[in-house]
Amino acid sequence: MLIAMPSGEHESPIALVREDPDLVATLLTRHFGLKVPGFHHARPHPTDVQILEPRSFRADGMTVLCDAADKAKAAAVLEVQRAWDAGKKWTMPLYVAALQAELLVPVALLLYCPDKVIAGRYERMFATGGLVLRLRPFIFTPDDVPLVVDSKLAQERPSEAVLATLCHSNDADIDTAFPALVEMLRTVSPRKANAYHEMIVMGLSPDARARWELFMTSTIGTEYRSNFLRQAWSDGKAEGKVEGKAEGEAESVLAVLAARAVHVPETARERIQACADLDQLGIWLRRAATATAIDDVLS
């Protein structure tokens, strides 16, 4: 039986939250008015949920808000639902309950639905009472994340600017956000610029992607993919040496894999992050650019 692979449009928002975990707290506070506990930083969390029988469930994303000592203060589960799935009534509470039991902190469920009709169905599903455990997800749609067209705002909130672009992939006026995005890419670190660009390319609809490519070509030059991004990778490698030798290159490998919607098991992630061989990391990075599975990179 063929199993449908997640699309880039599905995976890009998840990759963005993995790249910038603080975005979860921003969504909860700015868009839902939720007061989250004071925290020092946020970090991604493994998304596998194990139960006693030999079976596991996997959430799209999990983020932990931590104090300065990396102790969990709160957490959130992120789910992207592009279609209706009645079975989520039973699995989404499992994600939340498992994370609460593991960390012993409050856990929120963030649910992104590109389609307002689908969002309404999930709202009604979770409004049902009776004997069912009541779960109150924070559901948002593209209407809740307006396009960022102001360059200054995009530079102040880069991850929100990228998320808004992904949310409005099918809008006729999506081009209005492109100038602000380019200015933002020029001001963030080279590694961030590369990661954000890959997420945009993978997450946009085919039509919007073609328009973005055309805009980048006319703005940065005909060789923007080889020059702009190769320089980002090169600078990212140098930046990684300063911050911890190969750390920047390893993060580039993971960012490209995330943008290409390639699942990276925790053991593989640890192997990549632990590698200090820049030549090996360079090989993995080149493989990641065309990979469809983690074995394409590490084998």
Protein backbone atom coordinates (compact mmCIF):
# COMPACT_ATOMS: atom_id res chain seq x y z
CA MET A 1 0.00 0.00 0.00
CA LEU A 2 1.34 3.43 -0.93
CA ILE A 3 1.60 5.90 1.94
CA ALA A 4 1.13 9.55 1.06
CA MET A 5 4.16 11.64 1.98
CA PRO A 6 3.57 15.01 3.66
CA SER A 7 3.76 17.90 1.20
CA GLY A 8 6.14 20.81 1.44
CA GLU A 9 3.15 23.06 2.15
CA HIS A 10 2.35 20.84 5.17
CA GLU A 11 5.90 20.50 6.43
CA SER A 12 7.22 24.05 6.00
CA PRO A 13 5.30 25.61 8.94
CA ILE A 14 6.48 22.71 11.10
CA ALA A 15 10.08 23.20 9.97
CA LEU A 16 9.74 26.92 10.72
CA VAL A 17 8.67 26.25 14.31
CA ARG A 18 11.52 23.75 14.66
CA GLU A 19 13.93 26.43 13.40
CA ASP A 20 12.43 29.20 15.58
CA PRO A 21 10.67 27.54 18.56
CA ASP A 22 9.89 30.94 20.14
CA LEU A 23 7.28 31.37 17.40
CA VAL A 24 4.95 29.07 19.36
CA ALA A 25 4.90 31.45 22.33
CA THR A 26 4.33 34.37 19.96
CA LEU A 27 1.31 32.68 18.40
CA LEU A 28 -0.20 31.81 21.78
CA THR A 29 0.26 35.28 23.25
CA ARG A 30 -0.20 37.60 20.27
CA HIS A 31 -2.96 35.76 18.43
CA PHE A 32 -4.85 34.08 21.27
CA GLY A 33 -4.13 36.41 24.20
CA LEU A 34 -2.87 33.47 26.25
CA LYS A 35 -0.55 34.28 29.14
CA VAL A 36 2.30 31.78 29.05
CA PRO A 37 4.67 31.31 32.01
CA GLY A 38 7.81 33.41 31.91
CA PHE A 39 10.53 31.53 30.03
CA HIS A 40 14.16 32.04 29.00
CA HIS A 41 14.21 30.10 25.73
CA ALA A 42 12.28 27.55 23.69
CA ARG A 43 13.49 24.29 22.20
CA PRO A 44 12.03 21.62 19.90
CA HIS A 45 10.97 18.35 21.51
CA PRO A 46 10.89 14.81 20.04
CA THR A 47 7.45 14.21 18.57
CA ASP A 48 7.07 10.45 19.04
CA VAL A 49 4.42 9.38 21.55
CA GLN A 50 4.85 5.81 22.79
CA ILE A 51 2.18 3.60 24.36
CA LEU A 52 2.49 0.17 25.97
CA GLU A 53 1.56 -1.87 22.92
CA PRO A 54 4.14 -1.85 20.10
CA ARG A 55 2.73 1.24 18.42
CA SER A 56 3.65 4.91 18.35
CA PHE A 57 1.97 8.14 17.33
CA ARG A 58 3.77 11.20 16.02
CA ALA A 59 2.65 14.80 16.38
CA ASP A 60 3.70 17.31 13.74
CA GLY A 61 5.70 19.39 16.19
CA MET A 62 6.38 19.84 19.90
CA THR A 63 8.01 22.84 21.55
CA VAL A 64 9.12 23.32 25.15
CA LEU A 65 9.41 26.75 26.80
CA CYS A 66 12.29 26.64 29.29
CA ASP A 67 13.94 28.71 31.99
CA ALA A 68 17.62 29.66 31.93
CA ALA A 69 18.53 26.24 33.34
CA ASP A 70 16.65 24.52 30.48
CA LYS A 71 13.90 23.36 32.84
CA ALA A 72 10.48 23.10 31.20
CA LYS A 73 7.96 25.79 32.16
CA ALA A 74 5.27 25.10 29.54
CA ALA A 75 4.97 23.32 26.21
CA ALA A 76 2.91 23.20 23.04
CA VAL A 77 1.93 20.64 20.42
CA LEU A 78 1.66 21.91 16.83
CA GLU A 79 -0.58 20.18 14.30
CA VAL A 80 -1.12 21.22 10.67
CA GLN A 81 -4.41 19.94 9.28
CA ARG A 82 -4.99 20.56 5.58
CA ALA A 83 -7.91 18.10 5.46
CA TRP A 84 -10.55 16.64 7.75
CA ASP A 85 -9.52 13.63 9.84
CA ALA A 86 -12.12 12.45 12.35
CA GLY A 87 -9.51 10.22 13.99
CA LYS A 88 -7.70 13.30 15.32
CA LYS A 89 -10.39 13.50 17.99
CA TRP A 90 -8.64 10.58 19.69
CA THR A 91 -4.95 11.12 18.83
CA MET A 92 -4.57 14.84 19.54
CA PRO A 93 -5.52 14.46 23.23
CA LEU A 94 -2.92 11.68 23.39
CA TYR A 95 -0.17 14.04 22.20
CA VAL A 96 -1.09 16.62 24.85
CA ALA A 97 -1.54 14.11 27.68
CA ALA A 98 1.74 12.32 26.93
CA LEU A 99 3.72 15.57 26.88
CA GLN A 100 2.07 16.77 30.10
CA ALA A 101 2.87 13.47 31.82
CA GLU A 102 6.47 13.58 30.62
CA LEU A 103 7.25 17.20 31.49
CA LEU A 104 4.70 17.88 34.28
CA VAL A 105 3.90 21.34 32.86
CA PRO A 106 0.86 22.87 31.11
CA VAL A 107 0.64 21.96 27.42
CA ALA A 108 -1.26 23.86 24.71
CA LEU A 109 -2.45 22.44 21.38
CA LEU A 110 -1.91 24.75 18.39
CA LEU A 111 -3.86 23.67 15.32
CA TYR A 112 -3.29 25.36 11.96
CA CYS A 113 -5.92 24.85 9.25
CA PRO A 114 -5.37 26.58 5.88
CA ASP A 115 -9.08 26.07 5.08
CA LYS A 116 -11.59 27.95 7.26
CA VAL A 117 -14.27 25.32 6.60
CA ILE A 118 -11.95 22.58 7.87
CA ALA A 119 -11.06 24.76 10.87
CA GLY A 120 -14.75 25.10 11.69
CA ARG A 121 -15.22 21.34 11.63
CA TYR A 122 -12.38 20.85 14.12
CA GLU A 123 -13.79 23.59 16.36
CA ARG A 124 -17.16 21.83 16.42
CA MET A 125 -15.54 18.44 17.00
CA PHE A 126 -13.66 19.63 20.07
CA ALA A 127 -16.69 21.52 21.39
CA THR A 128 -18.45 18.20 21.96
CA GLY A 129 -18.90 17.32 25.63
CA GLY A 130 -20.33 14.16 27.14
CA LEU A 131 -17.95 11.46 28.30
CA VAL A 132 -15.14 12.66 26.05
CA LEU A 133 -12.11 14.39 27.57
CA ARG A 134 -12.55 18.07 26.77
CA LEU A 135 -9.62 19.48 24.82
CA ARG A 136 -9.49 23.16 23.85
CA PRO A 137 -7.15 23.58 20.89
CA PHE A 138 -6.01 27.01 19.74
CA ILE A 139 -7.09 26.90 16.09
CA PHE A 140 -5.85 29.46 13.60
CA THR A 141 -6.23 30.05 9.86
CA PRO A 142 -4.52 32.36 7.34
CA ASP A 143 -6.95 35.12 8.39
CA ASP A 144 -5.25 35.16 11.80
CA VAL A 145 -1.75 35.62 10.34
CA PRO A 146 -1.79 38.64 7.99
CA LEU A 147 0.86 39.06 5.32
CA VAL A 148 3.89 41.06 6.45
CA VAL A 149 4.56 43.70 3.80
CA ASP A 150 6.52 46.15 5.95
CA SER A 151 10.28 45.56 5.69
CA LYS A 152 11.00 46.85 9.18
CA LEU A 153 8.39 44.56 10.71
CA ALA A 154 9.73 41.59 8.71
CA GLN A 155 13.21 42.26 10.07
CA GLU A 156 11.90 42.54 13.63
CA ARG A 157 9.80 39.36 13.35
CA PRO A 158 11.42 37.19 10.65
CA SER A 159 9.79 33.88 11.57
CA GLU A 160 6.34 35.51 11.65
CA ALA A 161 6.97 37.02 8.22
CA VAL A 162 7.87 33.60 6.82
CA LEU A 163 4.88 31.93 8.50
CA ALA A 164 2.51 34.56 7.11
CA THR A 165 3.89 33.99 3.61
CA LEU A 166 3.37 30.24 3.92
CA CYS A 167 -0.16 30.77 5.22
CA HIS A 168 -1.09 32.98 2.25
CA SER A 169 0.54 30.83 -0.42
CA ASN A 170 -2.58 30.90 -2.62
CA ASP A 171 -3.39 34.60 -2.25
CA ALA A 172 -3.39 36.68 -5.41
CA ASP A 173 -1.51 39.49 -3.66
CA ILE A 174 1.22 37.36 -2.09
CA ASP A 175 3.77 39.25 -4.20
CA THR A 176 3.29 42.28 -1.94
CA ALA A 177 5.21 40.44 0.79
CA PHE A 178 8.23 39.57 -1.37
CA PRO A 179 10.19 42.86 -1.01
CA ALA A 180 9.95 42.71 2.79
CA LEU A 181 11.05 39.07 2.75
CA VAL A 182 14.12 39.83 0.66
CA GLU A 183 15.14 42.68 2.96
CA MET A 184 14.69 40.35 5.92
CA LEU A 185 16.87 37.67 4.28
CA ARG A 186 19.63 40.25 3.84
CA THR A 187 19.69 41.11 7.55
CA VAL A 188 19.48 37.71 9.30
CA SER A 189 22.46 35.39 9.66
CA PRO A 190 23.54 33.49 6.53
CA ARG A 191 22.37 30.19 7.99
CA LYS A 192 18.98 31.66 8.86
CA ALA A 193 18.66 33.19 5.39
CA ASN A 194 19.28 29.82 3.78
CA ALA A 195 16.85 28.02 6.09
CA TYR A 196 14.08 30.60 5.63
CA HIS A 197 14.52 30.60 1.86
CA GLU A 198 14.29 26.82 1.67
CA MET A 199 11.11 26.86 3.76
CA ILE A 200 9.55 29.50 1.52
CA VAL A 201 10.41 27.59 -1.65
CA MET A 202 9.14 24.28 -0.29
CA GLY A 203 6.03 25.74 1.35
CA LEU A 204 4.62 27.90 -1.43
CA SER A 205 2.12 26.66 -3.98
CA PRO A 206 3.64 25.99 -7.44
CA ASP A 207 2.30 29.29 -8.83
CA ALA A 208 3.49 31.36 -5.86
CA ARG A 209 6.85 29.58 -5.90
CA ALA A 210 7.38 30.49 -9.55
CA ARG A 211 6.56 34.13 -8.79
CA TRP A 212 8.95 34.11 -5.82
CA GLU A 213 11.72 32.61 -7.99
CA LEU A 214 11.11 35.29 -10.63
CA PHE A 215 11.19 38.05 -8.03
CA MET A 216 14.41 36.73 -6.50
CA THR A 217 15.99 36.50 -9.94
CA SER A 218 15.07 40.07 -10.85
CA THR A 219 16.02 41.44 -7.42
CA ILE A 220 19.23 39.57 -6.58
CA GLY A 221 20.33 38.40 -10.03
CA THR A 222 20.00 35.53 -12.46
CA GLU A 223 22.34 33.34 -10.45
CA TYR A 224 20.71 33.99 -7.08
CA ARG A 225 20.35 30.31 -6.22
CA SER A 226 24.01 29.52 -6.75
CA ASN A 227 25.49 32.83 -5.55
CA PHE A 228 23.16 34.08 -2.82
CA LEU A 229 22.61 30.72 -1.17
CA ARG A 230 26.08 29.32 -1.76
CA GLN A 231 27.46 32.41 0.00
CA ALA A 232 24.98 31.83 2.82
CA TRP A 233 26.20 28.25 3.20
CA SER A 234 29.84 29.37 3.02
CA ASP A 235 29.34 32.13 5.58
CA GLY A 236 27.30 29.75 7.70
CA LYS A 237 30.25 27.37 7.78
CA ALA A 238 32.57 30.16 8.94
CA GLU A 239 29.97 31.28 11.47
CA GLY A 240 29.74 27.71 12.71
CA LYS A 241 33.50 27.59 13.31
CA VAL A 242 33.28 30.67 15.50
CA GLU A 243 30.30 29.37 17.46
CA GLY A 244 31.54 25.85 17.81
CA LYS A 245 33.40 24.62 14.72
CA ALA A 246 30.91 22.49 12.74
CA GLU A 247 27.69 23.50 14.51
CA GLY A 248 26.63 25.91 11.76
CA GLU A 249 27.15 23.33 9.00
CA ALA A 250 25.24 20.65 10.93
CA GLU A 251 22.31 23.01 11.42
CA SER A 252 22.35 23.79 7.69
CA VAL A 253 22.03 20.07 6.93
CA LEU A 254 19.06 19.79 9.29
CA ALA A 255 17.44 22.96 7.93
CA VAL A 256 17.61 21.72 4.33
CA LEU A 257 16.20 18.33 5.36
CA ALA A 258 13.37 20.04 7.23
CA ALA A 259 12.54 22.24 4.26
CA ARG A 260 12.45 19.16 2.01
CA ALA A 261 10.05 17.45 4.45
CA VAL A 262 12.53 14.64 5.17
CA HIS A 263 11.84 12.96 8.52
CA VAL A 264 14.96 12.94 10.71
CA PRO A 265 14.84 10.41 13.59
CA GLU A 266 16.33 11.61 16.85
CA THR A 267 19.33 9.26 16.52
CA ALA A 268 20.13 10.67 13.07
CA ARG A 269 19.69 14.25 14.31
CA GLU A 270 22.14 13.58 17.16
CA ARG A 271 24.63 12.01 14.75
CA ILE A 272 24.55 15.07 12.47
CA GLN A 273 24.81 17.54 15.36
CA ALA A 274 27.69 15.60 16.92
CA CYS A 275 29.75 15.46 13.72
CA ALA A 276 32.84 17.71 13.81
CA ASP A 277 34.18 16.72 10.38
CA LEU A 278 33.49 19.67 8.05
CA ASP A 279 34.21 17.59 4.94
CA GLN A 280 31.68 14.96 6.01
CA LEU A 281 29.12 17.63 6.84
CA GLY A 282 29.68 19.16 3.41
CA ILE A 283 28.93 15.79 1.79
CA TRP A 284 25.75 15.45 3.85
CA LEU A 285 24.69 18.98 2.94
CA ARG A 286 25.05 18.30 -0.78
CA ARG A 287 23.12 15.05 -0.42
CA ALA A 288 20.41 16.79 1.63
CA ALA A 289 19.65 19.13 -1.27
CA THR A 290 18.15 16.22 -3.25
CA ALA A 291 17.27 13.74 -0.48
CA THR A 292 13.83 12.18 -0.05
CA ALA A 293 14.79 10.06 2.99
CA ILE A 294 17.40 10.30 5.72
CA ASP A 295 19.21 7.24 4.32
CA ASP A 296 19.92 9.25 1.16
CA VAL A 297 22.08 11.52 3.32
CA LEU A 298 23.72 9.26 5.88
CA SER A 299 24.19 6.00 3.99
